[in-house]
Protein backbone atom coordinates (compact mmCIF):
# COMPACT_ATOMS: atom_id res chain seq x y z
CA MET A 1 0.10 -0.11 0.12
CA VAL A 2 1.22 3.44 -0.93
CA SER A 3 1.95 5.73 2.25
CA SER A 4 0.82 9.07 2.12
CA PRO A 5 3.41 11.63 1.28
CA ARG A 6 4.40 15.04 2.82
CA GLY A 7 4.34 16.35 -0.74
CA HIS A 8 4.48 14.80 -4.35
CA PHE A 9 8.41 14.41 -4.61
CA ASP A 10 10.10 14.35 -1.08
CA ALA A 11 13.40 13.97 0.08
CA GLU A 12 14.04 13.84 3.98
CA ASN A 13 17.52 13.99 5.57
CA LEU A 14 19.03 12.35 2.25
CA TRP A 15 22.57 11.92 2.72
CA VAL A 16 25.05 10.39 -0.21
CA GLU A 17 28.75 10.12 0.75
CA TYR A 18 30.78 8.39 -1.91
CA SER A 19 34.54 6.65 -1.30
CA VAL A 20 37.43 7.87 -3.27
CA VAL A 21 40.27 5.74 -4.77
CA GLY A 22 43.04 5.25 -1.92
CA GLY A 23 40.43 5.43 0.57
CA GLY A 24 38.39 8.36 2.34
CA SER A 25 34.98 9.72 0.81
CA VAL A 26 33.44 13.01 -0.76
CA LEU A 27 30.20 14.14 0.80
CA ALA A 28 28.00 14.35 -1.96
CA LEU A 29 24.53 15.55 -0.58
CA ARG A 30 24.44 16.44 3.37
CA ALA A 31 20.94 16.60 5.08
CA VAL A 32 18.71 17.34 2.25
CA ASP A 33 14.88 18.16 3.10
CA LEU A 34 12.57 19.21 -0.08
CA SER A 35 9.09 18.62 -0.45
CA VAL A 36 7.13 19.23 -3.63
CA ALA A 37 3.49 19.53 -4.29
CA GLU A 38 1.33 17.26 -6.93
CA GLY A 39 1.91 19.92 -10.15
CA GLU A 40 4.47 22.38 -8.93
CA PHE A 41 7.55 23.68 -10.87
CA VAL A 42 10.69 23.51 -8.62
CA ALA A 43 13.72 24.78 -9.96
CA ILE A 44 16.93 23.75 -8.13
CA VAL A 45 20.04 26.22 -8.32
CA GLY A 46 23.29 25.99 -6.58
CA PRO A 47 27.43 25.88 -7.47
CA SER A 48 29.01 22.87 -8.98
CA GLY A 49 29.30 20.33 -6.74
CA CYS A 50 26.28 21.08 -4.19
CA GLY A 51 24.49 17.74 -5.04
CA LYS A 52 21.74 19.16 -7.46
CA SER A 53 22.39 16.22 -9.67
CA THR A 54 23.25 13.95 -7.39
CA LEU A 55 19.94 14.34 -6.10
CA LEU A 56 18.39 13.69 -8.95
CA ARG A 57 19.77 10.56 -9.67
CA VAL A 58 18.76 9.62 -6.56
CA ALA A 59 15.26 10.25 -6.71
CA CYS A 60 15.55 8.17 -10.49
CA ASN A 61 17.02 5.33 -9.06
CA LEU A 62 20.91 5.74 -10.23
CA VAL A 63 22.34 6.56 -7.02
CA PRO A 64 21.78 4.57 -3.61
CA PRO A 65 21.19 7.19 -0.34
CA THR A 66 23.90 6.91 2.26
CA ARG A 67 21.08 7.74 4.69
CA GLY A 68 17.21 9.14 4.41
CA THR A 69 14.99 8.68 1.72
CA VAL A 70 13.45 10.01 -1.43
CA THR A 71 10.00 9.38 -2.38
CA ILE A 72 7.89 9.89 -5.50
CA GLY A 73 3.95 9.42 -4.48
CA GLY A 74 5.15 7.57 -1.74
CA ARG A 75 6.88 4.93 -3.49
CA SER A 76 10.70 4.72 -3.27
CA PRO A 77 12.84 5.68 -6.64
CA ALA A 78 12.82 1.78 -7.29
CA GLN A 79 9.51 1.30 -7.16
CA ALA A 80 8.35 4.50 -8.80
CA ARG A 81 10.87 3.67 -11.88
CA ALA A 82 9.70 0.17 -12.14
CA GLU A 83 5.88 1.66 -12.24
CA HIS A 84 6.88 4.43 -14.80
CA LYS A 85 6.10 7.29 -12.90
CA VAL A 86 9.23 9.10 -13.03
CA GLY A 87 10.65 11.02 -16.33
CA VAL A 88 13.91 12.05 -17.02
CA VAL A 89 15.62 14.41 -19.25
CA PHE A 90 19.52 14.73 -19.04
CA GLN A 91 21.21 17.90 -20.85
CA SER A 92 22.56 15.41 -23.71
CA PRO A 93 19.21 14.52 -25.29
CA THR A 94 20.64 11.28 -26.08
CA LEU A 95 18.63 10.19 -29.21
CA LEU A 96 19.82 6.90 -31.54
CA PRO A 97 20.84 8.77 -34.40
CA TRP A 98 19.76 6.09 -37.35
CA ARG A 99 15.80 6.66 -35.69
CA THR A 100 13.76 9.23 -36.49
CA ALA A 101 12.15 12.05 -34.45
CA LEU A 102 9.25 10.02 -33.85
CA ALA A 103 11.09 6.31 -33.64
CA ASN A 104 13.22 7.86 -30.83
CA THR A 105 9.70 9.47 -29.29
CA ARG A 106 8.55 5.81 -29.17
CA LEU A 107 11.60 4.20 -27.72
CA GLY A 108 10.50 4.69 -24.21
CA LEU A 109 7.38 2.65 -24.62
CA GLU A 110 9.51 -0.07 -26.90
CA LEU A 111 11.50 -0.48 -23.88
CA VAL A 112 8.91 -1.13 -21.08
CA ARG A 113 6.37 -2.80 -23.40
CA ARG A 114 2.95 -1.38 -22.91
CA THR A 115 0.10 0.92 -23.98
CA GLU A 116 -1.74 1.21 -20.99
CA GLY A 117 -1.94 5.00 -19.31
CA THR A 118 0.69 6.17 -21.85
CA ARG A 119 0.60 8.96 -24.46
CA THR A 120 1.45 8.20 -27.73
CA PRO A 121 4.82 9.43 -29.93
CA GLU A 122 2.56 11.15 -32.45
CA GLU A 123 0.36 12.64 -30.10
CA MET A 124 3.84 14.00 -27.96
CA LEU A 125 5.78 15.12 -30.84
CA ASN A 126 2.89 17.18 -31.58
CA LEU A 127 2.86 18.53 -28.26
CA VAL A 128 6.62 19.79 -28.32
CA GLY A 129 5.93 21.19 -31.86
CA LEU A 130 7.63 18.61 -33.90
CA SER A 131 5.13 16.71 -36.22
CA GLU A 132 6.50 18.26 -39.36
CA PHE A 133 9.77 16.74 -38.13
CA ALA A 134 8.51 13.08 -37.41
CA SER A 135 10.53 11.90 -40.46
CA ALA A 136 13.98 13.59 -39.64
CA ILE A 137 17.12 11.82 -37.67
CA PRO A 138 18.61 13.68 -35.54
CA MET A 139 21.37 15.18 -37.60
CA GLU A 140 18.94 16.89 -39.16
CA LEU A 141 17.57 18.28 -36.22
CA SER A 142 18.80 21.50 -34.35
CA GLY A 143 20.03 21.50 -30.51
CA GLY A 144 17.09 22.56 -29.23
CA MET A 145 14.85 20.18 -31.86
CA LYS A 146 16.54 17.28 -30.10
CA GLN A 147 16.21 18.17 -26.71
CA ARG A 148 12.37 18.43 -27.44
CA VAL A 149 12.28 15.40 -28.98
CA ALA A 150 14.16 13.87 -25.41
CA ILE A 151 10.55 15.44 -23.72
CA ALA A 152 8.34 13.93 -25.30
CA ARG A 153 10.01 10.58 -25.10
CA ALA A 154 10.07 11.19 -21.40
CA LEU A 155 6.47 12.48 -21.45
CA THR A 156 5.47 9.50 -23.40
CA LEU A 157 4.89 6.93 -20.20
CA ASN A 158 2.90 9.66 -18.75
CA PRO A 159 4.66 10.19 -15.54
CA GLU A 160 3.54 11.83 -12.40
CA VAL A 161 7.46 13.28 -11.93
CA LEU A 162 9.61 14.77 -14.85
CA LEU A 163 13.10 15.11 -13.09
CA MET A 164 15.14 17.73 -15.69
CA ASP A 165 18.94 18.37 -15.07
CA GLU A 166 19.92 21.34 -16.92
CA PRO A 167 17.93 20.22 -20.12
CA PHE A 168 18.88 23.21 -21.82
CA GLY A 169 22.38 23.85 -20.44
CA ALA A 170 24.13 23.15 -23.78
CA LEU A 171 22.28 25.64 -26.16
CA ASP A 172 22.41 29.00 -26.72
CA GLU A 173 21.25 31.83 -24.90
CA PHE A 174 17.99 32.26 -27.50
CA THR A 175 17.31 28.74 -28.09
CA ARG A 176 17.22 28.36 -24.20
CA ALA A 177 14.96 31.02 -23.60
CA ALA A 178 12.63 29.83 -26.40
CA LEU A 179 12.27 26.11 -25.51
CA GLY A 180 11.93 27.63 -21.38
CA GLN A 181 8.52 29.10 -23.17
CA GLU A 182 7.74 25.79 -24.78
CA LEU A 183 8.65 23.90 -21.69
CA LEU A 184 5.94 25.74 -19.67
CA ARG A 185 3.24 25.35 -22.30
CA ILE A 186 3.71 21.28 -22.02
CA TRP A 187 3.70 21.29 -18.49
CA GLN A 188 0.61 23.36 -18.44
CA ALA A 189 -0.88 20.76 -20.99
CA THR A 190 0.21 18.01 -18.60
CA GLY A 191 -0.11 19.29 -15.33
CA CYS A 192 2.46 16.95 -14.20
CA THR A 193 5.24 17.70 -11.40
CA ILE A 194 8.49 19.60 -12.75
CA VAL A 195 11.72 19.13 -10.60
CA PHE A 196 14.09 20.96 -12.78
CA VAL A 197 17.89 21.98 -11.83
CA THR A 198 19.88 24.51 -13.63
CA HIS A 199 23.01 26.75 -13.17
CA SER A 200 21.14 30.06 -14.46
CA ILE A 201 18.86 31.94 -11.73
CA GLU A 202 17.05 33.53 -14.77
CA GLU A 203 16.06 30.65 -15.99
CA ALA A 204 15.22 29.18 -12.71
CA VAL A 205 13.34 32.50 -11.62
CA THR A 206 11.43 32.54 -15.05
CA LEU A 207 10.21 29.04 -14.82
CA ALA A 208 9.34 28.01 -11.20
CA ASP A 209 6.71 28.16 -8.65
CA ARG A 210 9.93 27.74 -6.27
CA VAL A 211 13.74 27.85 -6.32
CA VAL A 212 15.37 25.99 -4.32
CA VAL A 213 19.01 27.23 -3.13
CA MET A 214 21.79 24.29 -2.28
CA SER A 215 25.51 24.53 -1.14
CA ALA A 216 28.24 22.78 -1.09
CA ARG A 217 28.60 20.51 1.95
CA ARG A 218 25.06 22.61 2.87
CA GLY A 219 22.32 20.86 1.17
CA VAL A 220 19.53 23.21 0.55
CA VAL A 221 20.20 26.96 2.31
CA GLY A 222 16.66 28.10 1.46
CA GLU A 223 14.07 28.64 -1.13
CA ILE A 224 12.22 31.50 -2.85
CA GLU A 225 8.53 31.74 -3.80
CA VAL A 226 8.13 33.48 -7.42
CA GLY A 227 4.73 34.86 -6.62
CA ILE A 228 4.36 36.02 -10.63
CA PRO A 229 1.39 35.97 -12.19
CA ARG A 230 1.22 32.98 -14.63
CA PRO A 231 0.79 32.54 -17.69
CA ARG A 232 4.36 33.97 -17.77
CA GLY A 233 5.69 35.55 -21.30
CA PRO A 234 9.07 36.11 -22.76
CA LEU A 235 8.30 39.71 -21.43
CA VAL A 236 8.21 38.61 -17.44
CA MET A 237 11.90 38.82 -17.02
CA GLU A 238 11.07 42.80 -17.33
CA SER A 239 8.86 43.06 -14.41
CA GLU A 240 9.73 44.29 -11.02
CA GLY A 241 8.33 40.91 -9.22
CA TRP A 242 11.07 38.99 -11.92
CA PHE A 243 13.85 41.40 -10.70
CA ALA A 244 13.00 41.19 -6.81
CA ALA A 245 12.53 37.14 -6.82
CA ALA A 246 16.05 37.00 -9.03
CA ARG A 247 17.60 39.45 -6.26
CA GLU A 248 16.86 37.22 -3.29
CA VAL A 249 17.96 34.22 -5.08
CA ARG A 250 21.16 35.65 -5.80
CA LYS A 251 21.05 37.05 -2.00
CA LEU A 252 20.91 33.53 -0.81
CA LEU A 253 23.68 32.21 -3.26
CA ARG A 254 26.24 34.81 -2.02
CA GLY A 255 25.18 33.94 1.70
CA ALA A 256 25.85 29.96 0.83
CA SER A 257 29.56 30.67 -1.10
CA ALA A 258 30.21 32.66 1.72
CA GLN A 259 29.45 30.35 4.22
CA ALA A 260 30.48 27.20 2.42
CA VAL A 261 34.21 28.82 2.24
CA ARG A 262 34.03 29.56 5.93
CA SER A 263 33.45 25.90 6.53
CA GLU A 264 36.55 24.85 4.18
CA VAL A 265 38.44 26.83 6.03
CA THR A 266 37.38 25.47 9.28
CA GLU A 267 36.40 22.36 8.80
CA GLY A 268 38.96 21.11 6.26
CA SER A 269 38.68 18.93 3.07
CA PRO A 270 35.47 17.27 2.38
CA HIS A 271 37.96 14.32 1.45
CA ASN A 272 39.37 11.61 3.88
CA ARG A 273 36.35 11.80 6.35
């Protein structure tokens, strides 16, 4: 029986520590607590090495926690993946080069060998605006188009939670902004819960309901509610509300960075614990 969760996606006292060659260990996540409501869009920002991607890898059952738990709709990551409740989009779209856009979108359905409760590849390719490119192979698609195929592929299994690890990080600024607007449209059309990792404060504030700030060796150091009405168009970045939210996120990041430096000096290296 599925237990009643605090949110739809929950991390509770989550620690991840890696052993390193030659002895010792590296602390990747420290005492992370995070609760995401059903249908919420939450962005996670923080410096490289603070554990943002590690958190998502635990959630999609690629990395085991050292301590603590992650639950998705009350399910463990393994159970959520087995029941196809979680979709994942990484920075690289990882499309098979010999398959068309439609065939790449169909791949998830072929691997799980089921159609009940899923969405058709044609429907999802249309949702991301690529119906006319269904017969194109990856080398004929732009970087933004490839990433839209990857999003369509993740959505065919109709996941409850979509985990996105810097999905637009390799794209130019203009393509990135355009895909952000596409993602908002797709999110509103599907109603899924999104946990979105990014290095971009601007992207986080533009897209998310809430921005969670992480710091190396300290886990979650704070969060900002983005009180900007939806729908949000490209001009949202010129609003006072946007500037206020971005300013608060930067303030949290500066404080976290200063604290990390002080911790490094007083506690020493995170290696050889």
